[in-house]
Amino acid sequence: MKQIDKLYSSAIVSFMIVIGALIGFLSAIVAIILYFLADPNFSFLTHWVSHLGIGPNGSNLVFNGGMIYSGVICWVYTLYLSGYLHKRGAMNFLILISLVCGVILGVGLLLLGIFPLGKIFGMHNIAAGLFFFGGLFSSIFYGITTYFTPNISKFQSLVGFLVATIFLSYIIINSLPISNSFKMIAEWSVFFAIPTWILSQGVLILHSEKP
């Protein structure tokens, strides 16, 4: 009976993470649509992600609210994934490193919503740094942790490594003397990689926990 209760609780949390990631993803889509309705010149080639935080037509409210919400969901995801990996026999020191990186990612998302571009520029830059590096190292270390954990599909680690590759690609592209349009596309790719990663992990955990 206890095992059934544990499975039920685990499935409920996994489902909540999936729904939470979808809501965070959809809030960004809604913000983009609202911005475009007010300014048809909006595109991934001419605007940075941060422009949504100061966008017209209520897009800023939707986007910033979504960032704050996503930060909270990221913490829930991080704590739950760490517990899931611990139950599966993952190495404790890898879990701890992954947990710290995930918390940093969540803080970055939360602060991006609180400090949008143009309000307190220094804080926005700090928030963006926490987001990018927290996301990069979180995906790397969770990928490594799941890879070396028995009884877990290697596909879960592969997804983490793919997300890390997107982050690394952005860092490289952003350092090159090329058109800002390429850098903007790379940034948007990173932005959408995080909810996609959380969503995919939630689905994979749900699938693995089936009786």
N, C-alpha and C. Protein backbone atom coordinates (compact mmCIF):
# COMPACT_ATOMS: atom_id res chain seq x y z
N MET A 1 0.83 -1.21 0.00
CA MET A 1 0.00 0.00 0.00
C MET A 1 0.86 1.26 0.00
N LYS A 2 1.95 1.24 0.80
CA LYS A 2 2.85 2.37 0.86
C LYS A 2 3.50 2.63 -0.50
N GLN A 3 3.86 1.54 -1.18
CA GLN A 3 4.48 1.68 -2.49
C GLN A 3 3.53 2.32 -3.49
N ILE A 4 2.25 1.96 -3.40
CA ILE A 4 1.24 2.55 -4.29
C ILE A 4 1.08 4.04 -4.00
N ASP A 5 1.09 4.39 -2.70
CA ASP A 5 0.98 5.80 -2.31
C ASP A 5 2.16 6.60 -2.82
N LYS A 6 3.36 6.02 -2.73
CA LYS A 6 4.56 6.70 -3.21
C LYS A 6 4.48 6.92 -4.71
N LEU A 7 4.05 5.90 -5.44
CA LEU A 7 3.94 6.00 -6.88
C LEU A 7 2.91 7.05 -7.27
N TYR A 8 1.79 7.04 -6.54
CA TYR A 8 0.73 8.01 -6.82
C TYR A 8 1.24 9.43 -6.61
N SER A 9 1.92 9.64 -5.46
CA SER A 9 2.44 10.96 -5.15
C SER A 9 3.47 11.39 -6.19
N SER A 10 4.33 10.46 -6.60
CA SER A 10 5.35 10.76 -7.59
C SER A 10 4.72 11.14 -8.91
N ALA A 11 3.68 10.40 -9.30
CA ALA A 11 3.00 10.69 -10.56
C ALA A 11 2.32 12.06 -10.51
N ILE A 12 1.75 12.40 -9.36
CA ILE A 12 1.09 13.69 -9.20
C ILE A 12 2.09 14.83 -9.37
N VAL A 13 3.26 14.71 -8.71
CA VAL A 13 4.27 15.77 -8.81
C VAL A 13 4.80 15.87 -10.24
N SER A 14 5.05 14.73 -10.87
CA SER A 14 5.52 14.74 -12.27
C SER A 14 4.51 15.42 -13.17
N PHE A 15 3.24 15.13 -12.95
CA PHE A 15 2.18 15.74 -13.75
C PHE A 15 2.15 17.25 -13.51
N MET A 16 2.33 17.67 -12.25
CA MET A 16 2.35 19.09 -11.93
C MET A 16 3.51 19.79 -12.64
N ILE A 17 4.65 19.13 -12.71
CA ILE A 17 5.82 19.70 -13.38
C ILE A 17 5.56 19.86 -14.87
N VAL A 18 4.93 18.85 -15.47
CA VAL A 18 4.60 18.91 -16.90
C VAL A 18 3.65 20.07 -17.17
N ILE A 19 2.59 20.17 -16.37
CA ILE A 19 1.63 21.26 -16.54
C ILE A 19 2.29 22.61 -16.29
N GLY A 20 3.14 22.67 -15.25
CA GLY A 20 3.83 23.92 -14.94
C GLY A 20 4.73 24.38 -16.06
N ALA A 21 5.47 23.44 -16.66
CA ALA A 21 6.35 23.78 -17.79
C ALA A 21 5.53 24.25 -18.98
N LEU A 22 4.38 23.61 -19.22
CA LEU A 22 3.51 24.03 -20.33
C LEU A 22 2.98 25.45 -20.12
N ILE A 23 2.59 25.75 -18.89
CA ILE A 23 2.07 27.09 -18.59
C ILE A 23 3.17 28.14 -18.79
N GLY A 24 4.39 27.84 -18.32
CA GLY A 24 5.50 28.75 -18.50
C GLY A 24 5.81 28.98 -19.97
N PHE A 25 5.76 27.89 -20.75
CA PHE A 25 6.00 27.97 -22.19
C PHE A 25 4.91 28.80 -22.87
N LEU A 26 3.67 28.54 -22.52
CA LEU A 26 2.54 29.24 -23.15
C LEU A 26 2.50 30.72 -22.79
N SER A 27 2.95 31.06 -21.58
CA SER A 27 2.98 32.48 -21.19
C SER A 27 3.91 33.26 -22.10
N ALA A 28 5.03 32.64 -22.48
CA ALA A 28 5.96 33.29 -23.40
C ALA A 28 5.33 33.45 -24.78
N ILE A 29 4.61 32.42 -25.24
CA ILE A 29 3.96 32.49 -26.55
C ILE A 29 2.91 33.59 -26.56
N VAL A 30 2.11 33.67 -25.49
CA VAL A 30 1.08 34.71 -25.38
C VAL A 30 1.72 36.09 -25.38
N ALA A 31 2.83 36.25 -24.65
CA ALA A 31 3.53 37.54 -24.61
C ALA A 31 4.03 37.93 -26.00
N ILE A 32 4.53 36.97 -26.74
CA ILE A 32 5.01 37.24 -28.10
C ILE A 32 3.86 37.69 -29.00
N ILE A 33 2.73 37.01 -28.88
CA ILE A 33 1.56 37.36 -29.70
C ILE A 33 1.07 38.77 -29.36
N LEU A 34 1.01 39.09 -28.07
CA LEU A 34 0.56 40.42 -27.64
C LEU A 34 1.51 41.51 -28.16
N TYR A 35 2.80 41.23 -28.09
CA TYR A 35 3.79 42.19 -28.58
C TYR A 35 3.62 42.40 -30.08
N PHE A 36 3.45 41.30 -30.81
CA PHE A 36 3.34 41.37 -32.27
C PHE A 36 2.07 42.12 -32.69
N LEU A 37 0.99 41.94 -31.94
CA LEU A 37 -0.26 42.64 -32.27
C LEU A 37 -0.09 44.15 -32.14
N ALA A 38 0.75 44.57 -31.20
CA ALA A 38 1.00 46.00 -31.01
C ALA A 38 2.11 46.52 -31.92
N ASP A 39 3.03 45.63 -32.27
CA ASP A 39 4.17 46.02 -33.11
C ASP A 39 4.50 44.88 -34.08
N PRO A 40 3.93 44.92 -35.30
CA PRO A 40 4.15 43.85 -36.28
C PRO A 40 5.61 43.69 -36.70
N ASN A 41 6.45 44.65 -36.33
CA ASN A 41 7.87 44.55 -36.68
C ASN A 41 8.62 43.60 -35.75
N PHE A 42 7.94 43.13 -34.71
CA PHE A 42 8.59 42.20 -33.78
C PHE A 42 8.96 40.91 -34.49
N SER A 43 10.19 40.43 -34.25
CA SER A 43 10.62 39.14 -34.78
C SER A 43 11.81 38.63 -33.98
N PHE A 44 12.11 37.36 -34.14
CA PHE A 44 13.25 36.76 -33.43
C PHE A 44 14.58 37.26 -34.00
N LEU A 45 14.52 37.94 -35.14
CA LEU A 45 15.73 38.46 -35.77
C LEU A 45 16.04 39.90 -35.38
N THR A 46 15.06 40.57 -34.77
CA THR A 46 15.23 41.99 -34.46
C THR A 46 15.07 42.33 -32.98
N HIS A 47 14.61 41.37 -32.18
CA HIS A 47 14.36 41.64 -30.76
C HIS A 47 15.01 40.56 -29.90
N TRP A 48 15.56 41.01 -28.77
CA TRP A 48 16.07 40.08 -27.77
C TRP A 48 14.91 39.57 -26.93
N VAL A 49 15.14 38.48 -26.23
CA VAL A 49 14.12 37.94 -25.33
C VAL A 49 13.72 38.99 -24.29
N SER A 50 14.69 39.75 -23.80
CA SER A 50 14.44 40.73 -22.75
C SER A 50 13.47 41.83 -23.17
N HIS A 51 13.30 42.03 -24.49
CA HIS A 51 12.37 43.05 -24.95
C HIS A 51 10.93 42.73 -24.55
N LEU A 52 10.64 41.44 -24.36
CA LEU A 52 9.30 41.05 -23.93
C LEU A 52 8.99 41.60 -22.54
N GLY A 53 10.02 41.74 -21.72
CA GLY A 53 9.82 42.22 -20.35
C GLY A 53 9.43 43.68 -20.27
N ILE A 54 9.62 44.42 -21.37
CA ILE A 54 9.22 45.84 -21.41
C ILE A 54 8.31 46.09 -22.61
N GLY A 55 7.68 45.01 -23.09
CA GLY A 55 6.87 45.10 -24.30
C GLY A 55 5.53 45.77 -24.11
N PRO A 56 4.89 46.14 -25.22
CA PRO A 56 3.59 46.82 -25.19
C PRO A 56 2.42 45.85 -25.08
N ASN A 57 1.23 46.41 -24.95
CA ASN A 57 -0.02 45.67 -25.04
C ASN A 57 -0.16 44.58 -23.97
N GLY A 58 0.47 44.80 -22.81
CA GLY A 58 0.38 43.82 -21.74
C GLY A 58 1.34 42.66 -21.86
N SER A 59 2.15 42.65 -22.94
CA SER A 59 3.09 41.55 -23.11
C SER A 59 4.11 41.50 -21.99
N ASN A 60 4.46 42.70 -21.46
CA ASN A 60 5.42 42.75 -20.36
C ASN A 60 4.87 42.08 -19.10
N LEU A 61 3.60 42.31 -18.81
CA LEU A 61 3.00 41.72 -17.61
C LEU A 61 2.93 40.20 -17.72
N VAL A 62 2.53 39.73 -18.89
CA VAL A 62 2.43 38.28 -19.11
C VAL A 62 3.81 37.63 -19.04
N PHE A 63 4.78 38.26 -19.69
CA PHE A 63 6.13 37.69 -19.74
C PHE A 63 6.78 37.68 -18.36
N ASN A 64 6.74 38.82 -17.67
CA ASN A 64 7.38 38.91 -16.36
C ASN A 64 6.70 37.99 -15.34
N GLY A 65 5.37 37.92 -15.42
CA GLY A 65 4.66 36.99 -14.55
C GLY A 65 5.04 35.55 -14.85
N GLY A 66 5.20 35.25 -16.13
CA GLY A 66 5.60 33.91 -16.54
C GLY A 66 6.99 33.55 -16.05
N MET A 67 7.89 34.54 -16.05
CA MET A 67 9.26 34.30 -15.57
C MET A 67 9.27 33.99 -14.07
N ILE A 68 8.51 34.75 -13.32
CA ILE A 68 8.43 34.51 -11.87
C ILE A 68 7.84 33.13 -11.60
N TYR A 69 6.76 32.82 -12.30
CA TYR A 69 6.12 31.52 -12.16
C TYR A 69 7.08 30.39 -12.56
N SER A 70 7.81 30.58 -13.65
CA SER A 70 8.75 29.57 -14.13
C SER A 70 9.88 29.34 -13.13
N GLY A 71 10.30 30.41 -12.44
CA GLY A 71 11.33 30.26 -11.43
C GLY A 71 10.87 29.35 -10.31
N VAL A 72 9.62 29.52 -9.88
CA VAL A 72 9.07 28.67 -8.82
C VAL A 72 8.95 27.22 -9.30
N ILE A 73 8.46 27.04 -10.52
CA ILE A 73 8.33 25.69 -11.09
C ILE A 73 9.70 25.04 -11.23
N CYS A 74 10.70 25.83 -11.57
CA CYS A 74 12.07 25.31 -11.71
C CYS A 74 12.57 24.77 -10.38
N TRP A 75 12.26 25.46 -9.29
CA TRP A 75 12.66 24.98 -7.96
C TRP A 75 11.96 23.67 -7.63
N VAL A 76 10.67 23.59 -7.91
CA VAL A 76 9.92 22.36 -7.67
C VAL A 76 10.51 21.21 -8.49
N TYR A 77 10.79 21.50 -9.75
CA TYR A 77 11.38 20.51 -10.65
C TYR A 77 12.75 20.05 -10.15
N THR A 78 13.57 21.01 -9.73
CA THR A 78 14.91 20.70 -9.26
C THR A 78 14.88 19.81 -8.02
N LEU A 79 14.06 20.17 -7.05
CA LEU A 79 13.96 19.39 -5.83
C LEU A 79 13.41 17.99 -6.10
N TYR A 80 12.39 17.93 -6.94
CA TYR A 80 11.77 16.64 -7.24
C TYR A 80 12.72 15.74 -8.02
N LEU A 81 13.41 16.31 -9.03
CA LEU A 81 14.33 15.52 -9.83
C LEU A 81 15.48 15.00 -8.98
N SER A 82 15.94 15.83 -8.04
CA SER A 82 17.02 15.39 -7.15
C SER A 82 16.56 14.21 -6.29
N GLY A 83 15.33 14.31 -5.76
CA GLY A 83 14.79 13.21 -4.96
C GLY A 83 14.59 11.96 -5.79
N TYR A 84 14.13 12.14 -7.01
CA TYR A 84 13.92 11.02 -7.93
C TYR A 84 15.24 10.30 -8.22
N LEU A 85 16.29 11.09 -8.47
CA LEU A 85 17.60 10.51 -8.76
C LEU A 85 18.18 9.82 -7.53
N HIS A 86 17.94 10.39 -6.36
CA HIS A 86 18.42 9.77 -5.12
C HIS A 86 17.77 8.40 -4.92
N LYS A 87 16.47 8.32 -5.16
CA LYS A 87 15.76 7.04 -5.02
C LYS A 87 16.27 6.01 -6.03
N ARG A 88 16.75 6.49 -7.16
CA ARG A 88 17.24 5.59 -8.21
C ARG A 88 18.70 5.20 -8.00
N GLY A 89 19.32 5.73 -6.95
CA GLY A 89 20.69 5.33 -6.64
C GLY A 89 21.77 6.20 -7.25
N ALA A 90 21.45 7.45 -7.61
CA ALA A 90 22.45 8.35 -8.19
C ALA A 90 23.49 8.72 -7.14
N MET A 91 24.66 9.15 -7.62
CA MET A 91 25.74 9.57 -6.73
C MET A 91 25.34 10.87 -6.02
N ASN A 92 25.50 10.88 -4.70
CA ASN A 92 25.04 12.02 -3.91
C ASN A 92 25.74 13.33 -4.25
N PHE A 93 27.05 13.27 -4.53
CA PHE A 93 27.76 14.51 -4.81
C PHE A 93 27.32 15.11 -6.15
N LEU A 94 26.96 14.25 -7.11
CA LEU A 94 26.45 14.74 -8.40
C LEU A 94 25.06 15.34 -8.23
N ILE A 95 24.25 14.71 -7.38
CA ILE A 95 22.91 15.23 -7.10
C ILE A 95 23.01 16.62 -6.48
N LEU A 96 23.95 16.77 -5.53
CA LEU A 96 24.11 18.04 -4.83
C LEU A 96 24.53 19.15 -5.80
N ILE A 97 25.50 18.86 -6.65
CA ILE A 97 25.94 19.85 -7.63
C ILE A 97 24.79 20.23 -8.57
N SER A 98 24.06 19.23 -9.03
CA SER A 98 22.93 19.47 -9.93
C SER A 98 21.86 20.30 -9.23
N LEU A 99 21.62 19.99 -7.96
CA LEU A 99 20.61 20.72 -7.18
C LEU A 99 20.97 22.20 -7.06
N VAL A 100 22.23 22.47 -6.73
CA VAL A 100 22.67 23.86 -6.58
C VAL A 100 22.52 24.61 -7.90
N CYS A 101 22.92 23.98 -9.00
CA CYS A 101 22.81 24.62 -10.33
C CYS A 101 21.34 24.88 -10.68
N GLY A 102 20.47 23.93 -10.36
CA GLY A 102 19.05 24.10 -10.64
C GLY A 102 18.43 25.23 -9.84
N VAL A 103 18.85 25.37 -8.57
CA VAL A 103 18.35 26.46 -7.73
C VAL A 103 18.81 27.80 -8.31
N ILE A 104 20.06 27.87 -8.77
CA ILE A 104 20.58 29.10 -9.38
C ILE A 104 19.77 29.46 -10.63
N LEU A 105 19.45 28.45 -11.43
CA LEU A 105 18.63 28.68 -12.62
C LEU A 105 17.28 29.26 -12.24
N GLY A 106 16.65 28.69 -11.20
CA GLY A 106 15.36 29.18 -10.74
C GLY A 106 15.44 30.62 -10.24
N VAL A 107 16.52 30.95 -9.53
CA VAL A 107 16.72 32.32 -9.05
C VAL A 107 16.84 33.27 -10.24
N GLY A 108 17.58 32.84 -11.26
CA GLY A 108 17.73 33.67 -12.45
C GLY A 108 16.40 33.96 -13.12
N LEU A 109 15.58 32.94 -13.28
CA LEU A 109 14.26 33.12 -13.90
C LEU A 109 13.39 34.07 -13.07
N LEU A 110 13.40 33.87 -11.77
CA LEU A 110 12.61 34.71 -10.86
C LEU A 110 13.05 36.17 -10.96
N LEU A 111 14.34 36.41 -10.93
CA LEU A 111 14.86 37.78 -10.97
C LEU A 111 14.65 38.44 -12.33
N LEU A 112 14.64 37.64 -13.40
CA LEU A 112 14.35 38.21 -14.72
C LEU A 112 12.94 38.78 -14.77
N GLY A 113 12.03 38.12 -14.06
CA GLY A 113 10.66 38.63 -14.00
C GLY A 113 10.53 39.85 -13.12
N ILE A 114 11.33 39.92 -12.06
CA ILE A 114 11.26 41.04 -11.12
C ILE A 114 12.01 42.26 -11.65
N PHE A 115 13.11 42.00 -12.35
CA PHE A 115 13.95 43.09 -12.86
C PHE A 115 14.05 43.02 -14.39
N PRO A 116 13.00 43.43 -15.10
CA PRO A 116 13.04 43.42 -16.57
C PRO A 116 14.03 44.44 -17.10
N LEU A 117 14.35 44.30 -18.36
CA LEU A 117 15.31 45.19 -19.03
C LEU A 117 14.87 46.64 -18.89
N GLY A 118 15.81 47.53 -18.49
CA GLY A 118 15.53 48.95 -18.45
C GLY A 118 15.19 49.49 -17.08
N LYS A 119 14.79 48.61 -16.13
CA LYS A 119 14.44 49.11 -14.80
C LYS A 119 15.71 49.28 -13.96
N ILE A 120 16.32 48.19 -13.59
CA ILE A 120 17.61 48.23 -12.90
C ILE A 120 18.54 47.36 -13.74
N PHE A 121 19.24 48.00 -14.68
CA PHE A 121 19.97 47.25 -15.71
C PHE A 121 20.99 46.30 -15.10
N GLY A 122 21.67 46.74 -14.02
CA GLY A 122 22.66 45.88 -13.40
C GLY A 122 22.04 44.60 -12.86
N MET A 123 20.88 44.72 -12.22
CA MET A 123 20.20 43.54 -11.68
C MET A 123 19.70 42.63 -12.80
N HIS A 124 19.26 43.25 -13.90
CA HIS A 124 18.81 42.43 -15.04
C HIS A 124 19.97 41.61 -15.59
N ASN A 125 21.13 42.22 -15.69
CA ASN A 125 22.30 41.49 -16.19
C ASN A 125 22.71 40.36 -15.26
N ILE A 126 22.63 40.63 -13.95
CA ILE A 126 22.94 39.58 -12.98
C ILE A 126 21.95 38.42 -13.12
N ALA A 127 20.66 38.76 -13.25
CA ALA A 127 19.62 37.74 -13.41
C ALA A 127 19.85 36.92 -14.67
N ALA A 128 20.21 37.60 -15.77
CA ALA A 128 20.47 36.90 -17.03
C ALA A 128 21.67 35.97 -16.89
N GLY A 129 22.71 36.43 -16.17
CA GLY A 129 23.88 35.59 -15.95
C GLY A 129 23.55 34.34 -15.15
N LEU A 130 22.74 34.51 -14.10
CA LEU A 130 22.32 33.36 -13.30
C LEU A 130 21.51 32.38 -14.13
N PHE A 131 20.65 32.94 -15.00
CA PHE A 131 19.83 32.09 -15.87
C PHE A 131 20.70 31.28 -16.82
N PHE A 132 21.61 31.97 -17.54
CA PHE A 132 22.40 31.30 -18.57
C PHE A 132 23.36 30.28 -17.96
N PHE A 133 24.11 30.68 -16.95
CA PHE A 133 25.09 29.75 -16.40
C PHE A 133 24.43 28.70 -15.51
N GLY A 134 23.34 29.06 -14.81
CA GLY A 134 22.60 28.08 -14.05
C GLY A 134 22.00 27.02 -14.96
N GLY A 135 21.43 27.46 -16.08
CA GLY A 135 20.85 26.53 -17.04
C GLY A 135 21.89 25.65 -17.69
N LEU A 136 23.03 26.25 -18.06
CA LEU A 136 24.11 25.50 -18.70
C LEU A 136 24.61 24.38 -17.79
N PHE A 137 25.03 24.74 -16.57
CA PHE A 137 25.63 23.75 -15.67
C PHE A 137 24.58 22.80 -15.10
N SER A 138 23.35 23.27 -14.96
CA SER A 138 22.28 22.39 -14.49
C SER A 138 22.03 21.27 -15.50
N SER A 139 21.91 21.63 -16.77
CA SER A 139 21.66 20.62 -17.80
C SER A 139 22.86 19.67 -17.95
N ILE A 140 24.08 20.21 -17.80
CA ILE A 140 25.27 19.36 -17.91
C ILE A 140 25.32 18.35 -16.76
N PHE A 141 25.18 18.85 -15.54
CA PHE A 141 25.34 17.96 -14.38
C PHE A 141 24.16 17.01 -14.19
N TYR A 142 22.94 17.47 -14.52
CA TYR A 142 21.83 16.53 -14.48
C TYR A 142 21.99 15.47 -15.56
N GLY A 143 22.54 15.88 -16.71
CA GLY A 143 22.82 14.91 -17.77
C GLY A 143 23.83 13.87 -17.33
N ILE A 144 24.91 14.33 -16.68
CA ILE A 144 25.94 13.42 -16.17
C ILE A 144 25.36 12.52 -15.09
N THR A 145 24.58 13.11 -14.19
CA THR A 145 24.00 12.35 -13.07
C THR A 145 23.09 11.24 -13.57
N THR A 146 22.19 11.58 -14.51
CA THR A 146 21.27 10.56 -15.03
C THR A 146 22.01 9.50 -15.84
N TYR A 147 23.09 9.91 -16.51
CA TYR A 147 23.86 8.94 -17.31
C TYR A 147 24.47 7.85 -16.45
N PHE A 148 24.97 8.24 -15.26
CA PHE A 148 25.63 7.28 -14.39
C PHE A 148 24.69 6.67 -13.35
N THR A 149 23.40 6.92 -13.50
CA THR A 149 22.43 6.35 -12.57
C THR A 149 21.79 5.11 -13.18
N PRO A 150 21.81 3.99 -12.48
CA PRO A 150 21.21 2.76 -13.02
C PRO A 150 19.69 2.87 -13.11
N ASN A 151 19.12 2.09 -13.99
CA ASN A 151 17.66 1.99 -14.13
C ASN A 151 16.99 3.29 -14.59
N ILE A 152 17.76 4.15 -15.26
CA ILE A 152 17.20 5.36 -15.85
C ILE A 152 17.56 5.38 -17.32
N SER A 153 16.58 5.69 -18.15
CA SER A 153 16.80 5.74 -19.59
C SER A 153 17.90 6.75 -19.93
N LYS A 154 18.84 6.33 -20.77
CA LYS A 154 19.92 7.22 -21.19
C LYS A 154 19.38 8.38 -22.02
N PHE A 155 18.15 8.26 -22.49
CA PHE A 155 17.54 9.35 -23.24
C PHE A 155 17.38 10.59 -22.37
N GLN A 156 17.16 10.38 -21.06
CA GLN A 156 17.02 11.50 -20.15
C GLN A 156 18.31 12.30 -20.08
N SER A 157 19.45 11.61 -20.04
CA SER A 157 20.73 12.31 -20.02
C SER A 157 21.00 12.96 -21.36
N LEU A 158 20.58 12.31 -22.45
CA LEU A 158 20.79 12.87 -23.79
C LEU A 158 20.08 14.21 -23.94
N VAL A 159 18.86 14.30 -23.41
CA VAL A 159 18.11 15.56 -23.47
C VAL A 159 18.87 16.67 -22.74
N GLY A 160 19.42 16.33 -21.57
CA GLY A 160 20.19 17.30 -20.82
C GLY A 160 21.41 17.78 -21.59
N PHE A 161 22.11 16.86 -22.24
CA PHE A 161 23.30 17.22 -23.01
C PHE A 161 22.94 18.07 -24.23
N LEU A 162 21.78 17.79 -24.84
CA LEU A 162 21.34 18.59 -25.98
C LEU A 162 21.05 20.03 -25.56
N VAL A 163 20.41 20.18 -24.39
CA VAL A 163 20.13 21.52 -23.87
C VAL A 163 21.43 22.24 -23.56
N ALA A 164 22.39 21.53 -22.98
CA ALA A 164 23.70 22.13 -22.68
C ALA A 164 24.39 22.58 -23.97
N THR A 165 24.23 21.81 -25.03
CA THR A 165 24.82 22.17 -26.33
C THR A 165 24.22 23.47 -26.85
N ILE A 166 22.92 23.65 -26.65
CA ILE A 166 22.26 24.89 -27.08
C ILE A 166 22.81 26.08 -26.30
N PHE A 167 23.01 25.90 -25.01
CA PHE A 167 23.58 26.96 -24.18
C PHE A 167 24.99 27.30 -24.63
N LEU A 168 25.81 26.27 -24.85
CA LEU A 168 27.19 26.50 -25.27
C LEU A 168 27.24 27.18 -26.63
N SER A 169 26.34 26.79 -27.51
CA SER A 169 26.29 27.40 -28.85
C SER A 169 25.98 28.89 -28.74
N TYR A 170 25.06 29.24 -27.82
CA TYR A 170 24.74 30.65 -27.64
C TYR A 170 25.95 31.43 -27.13
N ILE A 171 26.65 30.87 -26.14
CA ILE A 171 27.81 31.55 -25.58
C ILE A 171 28.87 31.79 -26.65
N ILE A 172 29.08 30.79 -27.51
CA ILE A 172 30.07 30.92 -28.59
C ILE A 172 29.60 31.96 -29.61
N ILE A 173 28.36 31.84 -30.05
CA ILE A 173 27.82 32.76 -31.05
C ILE A 173 27.82 34.19 -30.54
N ASN A 174 27.47 34.36 -29.26
CA ASN A 174 27.39 35.70 -28.68
C ASN A 174 28.76 36.37 -28.58
N SER A 175 29.82 35.57 -28.61
CA SER A 175 31.17 36.13 -28.50
C SER A 175 31.79 36.44 -29.86
N LEU A 176 31.10 36.04 -30.93
CA LEU A 176 31.64 36.24 -32.27
C LEU A 176 31.25 37.61 -32.84
N PRO A 177 32.11 38.18 -33.68
CA PRO A 177 31.79 39.48 -34.32
C PRO A 177 30.87 39.29 -35.53
N ILE A 178 29.64 38.88 -35.26
CA ILE A 178 28.67 38.63 -36.33
C ILE A 178 27.42 39.45 -36.08
N SER A 179 26.49 39.39 -37.03
CA SER A 179 25.25 40.14 -36.93
C SER A 179 24.47 39.78 -35.66
N ASN A 180 23.84 40.79 -35.06
CA ASN A 180 23.03 40.56 -33.86
C ASN A 180 21.87 39.62 -34.12
N SER A 181 21.44 39.52 -35.36
CA SER A 181 20.32 38.64 -35.69
C SER A 181 20.63 37.19 -35.33
N PHE A 182 21.87 36.74 -35.61
CA PHE A 182 22.27 35.38 -35.27
C PHE A 182 22.30 35.20 -33.75
N LYS A 183 22.76 36.24 -33.06
CA LYS A 183 22.84 36.18 -31.60
C LYS A 183 21.44 36.14 -31.00
N MET A 184 20.51 36.88 -31.59
CA MET A 184 19.14 36.89 -31.09
C MET A 184 18.48 35.53 -31.26
N ILE A 185 18.68 34.91 -32.42
CA ILE A 185 18.11 33.58 -32.65
C ILE A 185 18.67 32.57 -31.64
N ALA A 186 19.98 32.67 -31.39
CA ALA A 186 20.62 31.78 -30.43
C ALA A 186 20.04 31.98 -29.03
N GLU A 187 19.79 33.24 -28.67
CA GLU A 187 19.22 33.53 -27.35
C GLU A 187 17.80 32.98 -27.23
N TRP A 188 17.00 33.15 -28.27
CA TRP A 188 15.64 32.61 -28.25
C TRP A 188 15.66 31.08 -28.14
N SER A 189 16.64 30.46 -28.78
CA SER A 189 16.76 29.00 -28.71
C SER A 189 17.02 28.55 -27.28
N VAL A 190 17.91 29.28 -26.59
CA VAL A 190 18.20 28.98 -25.19
C VAL A 190 16.96 29.17 -24.34
N PHE A 191 16.26 30.27 -24.59
CA PHE A 191 15.08 30.60 -23.79
C PHE A 191 14.03 29.50 -23.86
N PHE A 192 13.79 28.96 -25.04
CA PHE A 192 12.77 27.92 -25.19
C PHE A 192 13.31 26.53 -24.84
N ALA A 193 14.62 26.39 -24.75
CA ALA A 193 15.21 25.09 -24.42
C ALA A 193 14.89 24.69 -22.98
N ILE A 194 14.86 25.69 -22.07
CA ILE A 194 14.65 25.38 -20.65
C ILE A 194 13.27 24.77 -20.38
N PRO A 195 12.15 25.42 -20.79
CA PRO A 195 10.86 24.77 -20.52
C PRO A 195 10.69 23.45 -21.26
N THR A 196 11.32 23.36 -22.46
CA THR A 196 11.26 22.10 -23.21
C THR A 196 11.97 21.00 -22.45
N TRP A 197 13.10 21.33 -21.85
CA TRP A 197 13.88 20.36 -21.06
C TRP A 197 13.08 19.91 -19.84
N ILE A 198 12.53 20.86 -19.09
CA ILE A 198 11.76 20.52 -17.90
C ILE A 198 10.54 19.69 -18.28
N LEU A 199 9.86 20.08 -19.35
CA LEU A 199 8.69 19.35 -19.81
C LEU A 199 9.05 17.92 -20.19
N SER A 200 10.13 17.76 -20.95
CA SER A 200 10.53 16.42 -21.40
C SER A 200 10.92 15.53 -20.23
N GLN A 201 11.62 16.11 -19.23
CA GLN A 201 12.02 15.32 -18.07
C GLN A 201 10.79 14.87 -17.27
N GLY A 202 9.82 15.79 -17.13
CA GLY A 202 8.60 15.44 -16.43
C GLY A 202 7.86 14.29 -17.12
N VAL A 203 7.79 14.35 -18.44
CA VAL A 203 7.11 13.29 -19.22
C VAL A 203 7.87 11.98 -19.09
N LEU A 204 9.20 12.03 -19.19
CA LEU A 204 10.01 10.81 -19.11
C LEU A 204 9.91 10.17 -17.73
N ILE A 205 9.89 11.00 -16.68
CA ILE A 205 9.75 10.46 -15.33
C ILE A 205 8.36 9.84 -15.14
N LEU A 206 7.34 10.51 -15.66
CA LEU A 206 5.99 9.94 -15.60
C LEU A 206 5.96 8.57 -16.27
N HIS A 207 6.61 8.46 -17.42
CA HIS A 207 6.62 7.22 -18.16
C HIS A 207 7.37 6.14 -17.40
N SER A 208 8.49 6.51 -16.78
CA SER A 208 9.31 5.52 -16.06
C SER A 208 8.65 5.05 -14.77
N GLU A 209 7.73 5.86 -14.23
CA GLU A 209 7.10 5.52 -12.95
C GLU A 209 5.81 4.74 -13.15
N LYS A 210 5.48 4.40 -14.40
CA LYS A 210 4.26 3.63 -14.64
C LYS A 210 4.41 2.24 -14.01
N PRO A 211 3.35 1.71 -13.39
CA PRO A 211 3.42 0.40 -12.75
C PRO A 211 3.55 -0.69 -13.80
